[in-house]
Amino acid sequence: MASIAREWEGETAFVLAGGASVKDLDLSPLKGRRVIAINSAVLAWPDADILFFADARWWSDPPHGWKADIGSFKGRVVTTSGGGPQGVTRLMKVDPSNGIALNPAQLALARTSVTGAINLTVHLGCRRDVLLGVDGKNGDGGRRHHHGAAYPWPFIKGSFDLHQAEFQAVAPSIARAGVDVVNANPDSAIDVWPKMRFEEAIAMLEPAL
């Protein structure tokens, strides 16, 4: 089992999830910044440092195409799944009900990969996370994501409530680990962390490298 070193000590990480709100954003300010893309959100920002996935179905089930196209991604792949490609950083998935995992060989998550991605930033030594696409609801017209890949699985009623509960369970431990989290979608239904516009989140940071 692999583990994660504190490679991003003191830095800000952008956690790019799949929520439809990202479709209306100009992501160019992410250039030169630390980005973790979750699942097919990497299609919106192929230059992400890390591609994170937890569900083996995302890798193996059509029509995603990542099983064939993973070679086009130049960053690091991190997963808690036993499936997927070989030669990736594979961490152990643990129950998030008691908070994030502090063991750098583990990631806490259950209902949403966003929890695991945030836990990953803790291991990397980040001091701030900016969440993108963490909407907690579907977009206009029932749109479920911002990227081009079709969503192959049916929507599970109540899933956003489960996400909210999971975030509430891990939020105190994330704060104790010294990581500030902001949700860069003022219209998000997730109210666990402060919300602001993406432009405001960028403005409060140091210039990109």
C-alpha atoms as a PDB file:
ATOM      1  CA  MET A   1       0.000   0.000   0.000  1.00  0.00           C
ATOM      2  CA  ALA A   2       1.337   3.427  -0.974  1.00  0.00           C
ATOM      3  CA  SER A   3       1.342   6.596   1.126  1.00  0.00           C
ATOM      4  CA  ILE A   4       1.372  10.334   0.451  1.00  0.00           C
ATOM      5  CA  ALA A   5       4.156  12.750   1.416  1.00  0.00           C
ATOM      6  CA  ARG A   6       3.683  16.414   2.340  1.00  0.00           C
ATOM      7  CA  GLU A   7       4.681  17.658  -1.110  1.00  0.00           C
ATOM      8  CA  TRP A   8       2.388  20.712  -1.127  1.00  0.00           C
ATOM      9  CA  GLU A   9       3.277  22.053   2.307  1.00  0.00           C
ATOM     10  CA  GLY A  10       1.497  25.337   3.013  1.00  0.00           C
ATOM     11  CA  GLU A  11      -0.057  25.586  -0.452  1.00  0.00           C
ATOM     12  CA  THR A  12      -3.619  25.976  -1.708  1.00  0.00           C
ATOM     13  CA  ALA A  13      -5.251  23.117  -3.582  1.00  0.00           C
ATOM     14  CA  PHE A  14      -8.237  23.323  -5.897  1.00  0.00           C
ATOM     15  CA  VAL A  15     -10.496  20.286  -5.678  1.00  0.00           C
ATOM     16  CA  LEU A  16     -12.351  20.055  -8.988  1.00  0.00           C
ATOM     17  CA  ALA A  17     -15.534  17.983  -8.685  1.00  0.00           C
ATOM     18  CA  GLY A  18     -18.202  17.320 -11.276  1.00  0.00           C
ATOM     19  CA  GLY A  19     -21.002  19.732 -10.321  1.00  0.00           C
ATOM     20  CA  ALA A  20     -22.711  21.583 -13.153  1.00  0.00           C
ATOM     21  CA  SER A  21     -21.724  25.031 -11.794  1.00  0.00           C
ATOM     22  CA  VAL A  22     -18.209  24.633 -13.206  1.00  0.00           C
ATOM     23  CA  LYS A  23     -19.599  24.801 -16.734  1.00  0.00           C
ATOM     24  CA  ASP A  24     -20.072  28.559 -16.335  1.00  0.00           C
ATOM     25  CA  LEU A  25     -16.561  29.192 -15.014  1.00  0.00           C
ATOM     26  CA  ASP A  26     -13.423  30.328 -16.797  1.00  0.00           C
ATOM     27  CA  LEU A  27     -10.905  27.890 -15.319  1.00  0.00           C
ATOM     28  CA  SER A  28      -7.840  29.557 -16.818  1.00  0.00           C
ATOM     29  CA  PRO A  29      -6.840  31.042 -13.415  1.00  0.00           C
ATOM     30  CA  LEU A  30      -6.013  27.461 -12.367  1.00  0.00           C
ATOM     31  CA  LYS A  31      -2.909  27.541 -14.567  1.00  0.00           C
ATOM     32  CA  GLY A  32       0.160  27.119 -12.376  1.00  0.00           C
ATOM     33  CA  ARG A  33      -1.891  26.121  -9.331  1.00  0.00           C
ATOM     34  CA  ARG A  34      -2.347  22.815  -7.525  1.00  0.00           C
ATOM     35  CA  VAL A  35      -5.391  20.959  -8.818  1.00  0.00           C
ATOM     36  CA  ILE A  36      -6.938  17.599  -7.913  1.00  0.00           C
ATOM     37  CA  ALA A  37      -9.572  16.559 -10.467  1.00  0.00           C
ATOM     38  CA  ILE A  38     -12.150  13.973  -9.462  1.00  0.00           C
ATOM     39  CA  ASN A  39     -13.244  11.414 -12.040  1.00  0.00           C
ATOM     40  CA  SER A  40     -14.280  12.891 -15.393  1.00  0.00           C
ATOM     41  CA  ALA A  41     -13.863  16.448 -14.094  1.00  0.00           C
ATOM     42  CA  VAL A  42     -10.324  16.047 -15.407  1.00  0.00           C
ATOM     43  CA  LEU A  43     -11.816  16.538 -18.880  1.00  0.00           C
ATOM     44  CA  ALA A  44     -12.402  20.177 -17.913  1.00  0.00           C
ATOM     45  CA  TRP A  45      -8.827  20.600 -16.638  1.00  0.00           C
ATOM     46  CA  PRO A  46      -6.478  18.008 -18.190  1.00  0.00           C
ATOM     47  CA  ASP A  47      -3.481  19.766 -16.605  1.00  0.00           C
ATOM     48  CA  ALA A  48      -4.524  18.717 -13.098  1.00  0.00           C
ATOM     49  CA  ASP A  49      -1.664  17.555 -10.884  1.00  0.00           C
ATOM     50  CA  ILE A  50      -3.686  14.599  -9.608  1.00  0.00           C
ATOM     51  CA  LEU A  51      -6.606  12.595 -10.963  1.00  0.00           C
ATOM     52  CA  PHE A  52      -8.482  10.986  -8.073  1.00  0.00           C
ATOM     53  CA  PHE A  53     -11.163   8.317  -8.315  1.00  0.00           C
ATOM     54  CA  ALA A  54     -12.684   5.934  -5.790  1.00  0.00           C
ATOM     55  CA  ASP A  55     -15.244   4.007  -7.823  1.00  0.00           C
ATOM     56  CA  ALA A  56     -13.857   1.260 -10.049  1.00  0.00           C
ATOM     57  CA  ARG A  57     -16.947   1.565 -12.255  1.00  0.00           C
ATOM     58  CA  TRP A  58     -15.767   4.959 -13.405  1.00  0.00           C
ATOM     59  CA  TRP A  59     -12.651   3.319 -14.753  1.00  0.00           C
ATOM     60  CA  SER A  60     -14.150   0.172 -16.216  1.00  0.00           C
ATOM     61  CA  ASP A  61     -17.703   0.995 -17.351  1.00  0.00           C
ATOM     62  CA  PRO A  62     -18.415   2.660 -20.675  1.00  0.00           C
ATOM     63  CA  PRO A  63     -18.778   5.359 -21.918  1.00  0.00           C
ATOM     64  CA  HIS A  64     -16.043   7.106 -19.916  1.00  0.00           C
ATOM     65  CA  GLY A  65     -13.145   5.953 -22.051  1.00  0.00           C
ATOM     66  CA  TRP A  66     -10.541   6.397 -19.341  1.00  0.00           C
ATOM     67  CA  LYS A  67      -9.538   2.767 -19.557  1.00  0.00           C
ATOM     68  CA  ALA A  68      -8.259   3.517 -23.035  1.00  0.00           C
ATOM     69  CA  ASP A  69      -7.276   7.175 -22.623  1.00  0.00           C
ATOM     70  CA  ILE A  70      -5.451   7.269 -19.293  1.00  0.00           C
ATOM     71  CA  GLY A  71      -2.155   7.493 -21.153  1.00  0.00           C
ATOM     72  CA  SER A  72      -3.087  11.010 -22.251  1.00  0.00           C
ATOM     73  CA  PHE A  73      -3.117  12.243 -18.642  1.00  0.00           C
ATOM     74  CA  LYS A  74       0.326  13.443 -17.584  1.00  0.00           C
ATOM     75  CA  GLY A  75      -0.293  13.870 -13.867  1.00  0.00           C
ATOM     76  CA  ARG A  76      -0.489  11.378 -11.015  1.00  0.00           C
ATOM     77  CA  VAL A  77      -3.410   8.988 -10.558  1.00  0.00           C
ATOM     78  CA  VAL A  78      -4.515   8.307  -6.980  1.00  0.00           C
ATOM     79  CA  THR A  79      -7.290   5.888  -6.075  1.00  0.00           C
ATOM     80  CA  THR A  80      -8.818   3.965  -3.204  1.00  0.00           C
ATOM     81  CA  SER A  81     -10.218   1.426  -5.657  1.00  0.00           C
ATOM     82  CA  GLY A  82      -8.831  -2.040  -6.121  1.00  0.00           C
ATOM     83  CA  GLY A  83      -9.612  -1.703  -9.812  1.00  0.00           C
ATOM     84  CA  GLY A  84      -8.311   0.619 -12.443  1.00  0.00           C
ATOM     85  CA  PRO A  85      -4.859   0.992 -13.962  1.00  0.00           C
ATOM     86  CA  GLN A  86      -1.653  -0.503 -12.689  1.00  0.00           C
ATOM     87  CA  GLY A  87       1.228   1.615 -11.414  1.00  0.00           C
ATOM     88  CA  VAL A  88      -0.909   4.231  -9.666  1.00  0.00           C
ATOM     89  CA  THR A  89      -0.873   5.499  -6.078  1.00  0.00           C
ATOM     90  CA  ARG A  90      -3.360   3.230  -4.310  1.00  0.00           C
ATOM     91  CA  LEU A  91      -4.501   4.168  -0.802  1.00  0.00           C
ATOM     92  CA  MET A  92      -6.801   2.376   1.637  1.00  0.00           C
ATOM     93  CA  LYS A  93     -10.390   3.612   1.940  1.00  0.00           C
ATOM     94  CA  VAL A  94     -11.596   4.029   5.546  1.00  0.00           C
ATOM     95  CA  ASP A  95     -14.840   5.061   7.251  1.00  0.00           C
ATOM     96  CA  PRO A  96     -15.210   8.879   7.478  1.00  0.00           C
ATOM     97  CA  SER A  97     -17.715   8.865  10.344  1.00  0.00           C
ATOM     98  CA  ASN A  98     -14.948   9.624  12.846  1.00  0.00           C
ATOM     99  CA  GLY A  99     -13.246  12.218  10.658  1.00  0.00           C
ATOM    100  CA  ILE A 100     -10.485  12.218   8.080  1.00  0.00           C
ATOM    101  CA  ALA A 101      -7.670   9.706   8.061  1.00  0.00           C
ATOM    102  CA  LEU A 102      -4.355  10.947   9.440  1.00  0.00           C
ATOM    103  CA  ASN A 103      -2.459   7.871   8.261  1.00  0.00           C
ATOM    104  CA  PRO A 104      -0.959   8.922   4.884  1.00  0.00           C
ATOM    105  CA  ALA A 105      -1.695   5.461   3.488  1.00  0.00           C
ATOM    106  CA  GLN A 106      -5.442   5.951   4.032  1.00  0.00           C
ATOM    107  CA  LEU A 107      -8.249   8.191   2.793  1.00  0.00           C
ATOM    108  CA  ALA A 108     -11.608   8.594   4.497  1.00  0.00           C
ATOM    109  CA  LEU A 109     -14.689   8.592   2.271  1.00  0.00           C
ATOM    110  CA  ALA A 110     -17.972   6.757   1.850  1.00  0.00           C
ATOM    111  CA  ARG A 111     -20.608   8.511  -0.272  1.00  0.00           C
ATOM    112  CA  THR A 112     -18.545  11.122  -2.123  1.00  0.00           C
ATOM    113  CA  SER A 113     -15.041  11.187  -3.574  1.00  0.00           C
ATOM    114  CA  VAL A 114     -14.781  14.860  -2.603  1.00  0.00           C
ATOM    115  CA  THR A 115     -14.146  13.753   0.987  1.00  0.00           C
ATOM    116  CA  GLY A 116     -11.260  11.578  -0.153  1.00  0.00           C
ATOM    117  CA  ALA A 117      -9.812  14.374  -2.274  1.00  0.00           C
ATOM    118  CA  ILE A 118      -9.911  16.789   0.667  1.00  0.00           C
ATOM    119  CA  ASN A 119      -8.271  14.158   2.877  1.00  0.00           C
ATOM    120  CA  LEU A 120      -5.595  13.838   0.197  1.00  0.00           C
ATOM    121  CA  THR A 121      -4.833  17.568   0.452  1.00  0.00           C
ATOM    122  CA  VAL A 122      -4.363  17.151   4.207  1.00  0.00           C
ATOM    123  CA  HIS A 123      -1.753  14.456   3.584  1.00  0.00           C
ATOM    124  CA  LEU A 124      -0.075  16.705   1.006  1.00  0.00           C
ATOM    125  CA  GLY A 125       0.315  19.451   3.617  1.00  0.00           C
ATOM    126  CA  CYS A 126      -2.054  22.027   2.125  1.00  0.00           C
ATOM    127  CA  ARG A 127      -3.270  24.923   4.254  1.00  0.00           C
ATOM    128  CA  ARG A 128      -6.322  25.802   2.138  1.00  0.00           C
ATOM    129  CA  ASP A 129      -8.718  23.986  -0.198  1.00  0.00           C
ATOM    130  CA  VAL A 130     -10.923  25.668  -2.772  1.00  0.00           C
ATOM    131  CA  LEU A 131     -13.807  23.439  -3.832  1.00  0.00           C
ATOM    132  CA  LEU A 132     -15.145  23.691  -7.375  1.00  0.00           C
ATOM    133  CA  GLY A 133     -18.240  21.867  -8.580  1.00  0.00           C
ATOM    134  CA  VAL A 134     -19.347  20.854  -5.087  1.00  0.00           C
ATOM    135  CA  ASP A 135     -22.921  21.939  -5.725  1.00  0.00           C
ATOM    136  CA  GLY A 136     -24.969  19.541  -3.607  1.00  0.00           C
ATOM    137  CA  LYS A 137     -27.698  19.587  -6.244  1.00  0.00           C
ATOM    138  CA  ASN A 138     -28.295  19.178  -9.951  1.00  0.00           C
ATOM    139  CA  GLY A 139     -27.961  22.161 -12.252  1.00  0.00           C
ATOM    140  CA  ASP A 140     -30.514  23.783 -14.540  1.00  0.00           C
ATOM    141  CA  GLY A 141     -32.530  21.266 -16.498  1.00  0.00           C
ATOM    142  CA  GLY A 142     -31.366  18.498 -14.186  1.00  0.00           C
ATOM    143  CA  ARG A 143     -27.798  18.686 -15.476  1.00  0.00           C
ATOM    144  CA  ARG A 144     -25.613  16.491 -13.252  1.00  0.00           C
ATOM    145  CA  HIS A 145     -22.107  17.495 -14.332  1.00  0.00           C
ATOM    146  CA  HIS A 146     -20.052  20.031 -16.262  1.00  0.00           C
ATOM    147  CA  HIS A 147     -17.788  17.774 -18.298  1.00  0.00           C
ATOM    148  CA  GLY A 148     -18.464  16.125 -21.628  1.00  0.00           C
ATOM    149  CA  ALA A 149     -18.652  12.504 -20.497  1.00  0.00           C
ATOM    150  CA  ALA A 150     -22.093  10.954 -20.273  1.00  0.00           C
ATOM    151  CA  TYR A 151     -23.198   9.910 -16.780  1.00  0.00           C
ATOM    152  CA  PRO A 152     -23.932   6.181 -16.989  1.00  0.00           C
ATOM    153  CA  TRP A 153     -25.600   5.530 -13.618  1.00  0.00           C
ATOM    154  CA  PRO A 154     -29.049   6.562 -12.402  1.00  0.00           C
ATOM    155  CA  PHE A 155     -29.391   9.330  -9.846  1.00  0.00           C
ATOM    156  CA  ILE A 156     -29.939   8.011  -6.310  1.00  0.00           C
ATOM    157  CA  LYS A 157     -32.560   9.997  -4.437  1.00  0.00           C
ATOM    158  CA  GLY A 158     -31.169  11.481  -1.237  1.00  0.00           C
ATOM    159  CA  SER A 159     -27.538  11.205  -2.325  1.00  0.00           C
ATOM    160  CA  PHE A 160     -26.849  14.916  -1.855  1.00  0.00           C
ATOM    161  CA  ASP A 161     -28.145  14.694   1.718  1.00  0.00           C
ATOM    162  CA  LEU A 162     -25.688  11.857   2.331  1.00  0.00           C
ATOM    163  CA  HIS A 163     -22.869  13.989   0.895  1.00  0.00           C
ATOM    164  CA  GLN A 164     -23.801  16.870   3.197  1.00  0.00           C
ATOM    165  CA  ALA A 165     -23.824  14.561   6.225  1.00  0.00           C
ATOM    166  CA  GLU A 166     -20.426  13.169   5.282  1.00  0.00           C
ATOM    167  CA  PHE A 167     -18.937  16.645   4.930  1.00  0.00           C
ATOM    168  CA  GLN A 168     -20.360  17.616   8.321  1.00  0.00           C
ATOM    169  CA  ALA A 169     -18.766  14.531   9.871  1.00  0.00           C
ATOM    170  CA  VAL A 170     -15.275  15.277   8.556  1.00  0.00           C
ATOM    171  CA  ALA A 171     -15.242  19.097   8.712  1.00  0.00           C
ATOM    172  CA  PRO A 172     -14.078  19.406  12.360  1.00  0.00           C
ATOM    173  CA  SER A 173     -11.151  17.051  11.800  1.00  0.00           C
ATOM    174  CA  ILE A 174     -10.134  18.927   8.626  1.00  0.00           C
ATOM    175  CA  ALA A 175     -10.074  22.167  10.622  1.00  0.00           C
ATOM    176  CA  ARG A 176      -8.009  20.520  13.367  1.00  0.00           C
ATOM    177  CA  ALA A 177      -5.527  19.428  10.692  1.00  0.00           C
ATOM    178  CA  GLY A 178      -5.016  23.105   9.854  1.00  0.00           C
ATOM    179  CA  VAL A 179      -6.746  23.160   6.466  1.00  0.00           C
ATOM    180  CA  ASP A 180      -9.201  25.958   5.659  1.00  0.00           C
ATOM    181  CA  VAL A 181     -11.879  24.970   3.138  1.00  0.00           C
ATOM    182  CA  VAL A 182     -13.934  27.343   0.991  1.00  0.00           C
ATOM    183  CA  ASN A 183     -16.658  26.389  -1.457  1.00  0.00           C
ATOM    184  CA  ALA A 184     -16.287  28.454  -4.642  1.00  0.00           C
ATOM    185  CA  ASN A 185     -19.977  28.334  -5.501  1.00  0.00           C
ATOM    186  CA  PRO A 186     -22.177  30.855  -3.678  1.00  0.00           C
ATOM    187  CA  ASP A 187     -25.256  28.945  -4.871  1.00  0.00           C
ATOM    188  CA  SER A 188     -24.105  25.554  -3.549  1.00  0.00           C
ATOM    189  CA  ALA A 189     -26.520  23.612  -1.369  1.00  0.00           C
ATOM    190  CA  ILE A 190     -23.515  22.436   0.667  1.00  0.00           C
ATOM    191  CA  ASP A 191     -23.272  24.854   3.586  1.00  0.00           C
ATOM    192  CA  VAL A 192     -20.593  23.151   5.667  1.00  0.00           C
ATOM    193  CA  TRP A 193     -17.865  25.601   4.590  1.00  0.00           C
ATOM    194  CA  PRO A 194     -17.840  29.324   3.725  1.00  0.00           C
ATOM    195  CA  LYS A 195     -18.991  30.062   0.181  1.00  0.00           C
ATOM    196  CA  MET A 196     -17.654  32.619  -2.268  1.00  0.00           C
ATOM    197  CA  ARG A 197     -17.312  33.211  -5.987  1.00  0.00           C
ATOM    198  CA  PHE A 198     -14.428  31.544  -7.810  1.00  0.00           C
ATOM    199  CA  GLU A 199     -13.035  34.979  -8.688  1.00  0.00           C
ATOM    200  CA  GLU A 200     -12.986  35.932  -5.009  1.00  0.00           C
ATOM    201  CA  ALA A 201     -11.167  32.735  -4.112  1.00  0.00           C
ATOM    202  CA  ILE A 202      -8.515  33.416  -6.737  1.00  0.00           C
ATOM    203  CA  ALA A 203      -8.123  37.036  -5.614  1.00  0.00           C
ATOM    204  CA  MET A 204      -7.229  36.055  -2.053  1.00  0.00           C
ATOM    205  CA  LEU A 205      -4.316  33.869  -3.186  1.00  0.00           C
ATOM    206  CA  GLU A 206      -0.711  34.552  -4.038  1.00  0.00           C
ATOM    207  CA  PRO A 207       0.046  34.846  -7.779  1.00  0.00           C
ATOM    208  CA  ALA A 208       0.314  31.516  -9.581  1.00  0.00           C
ATOM    209  CA  LEU A 209       3.731  30.109 -10.377  1.00  0.00           C
END
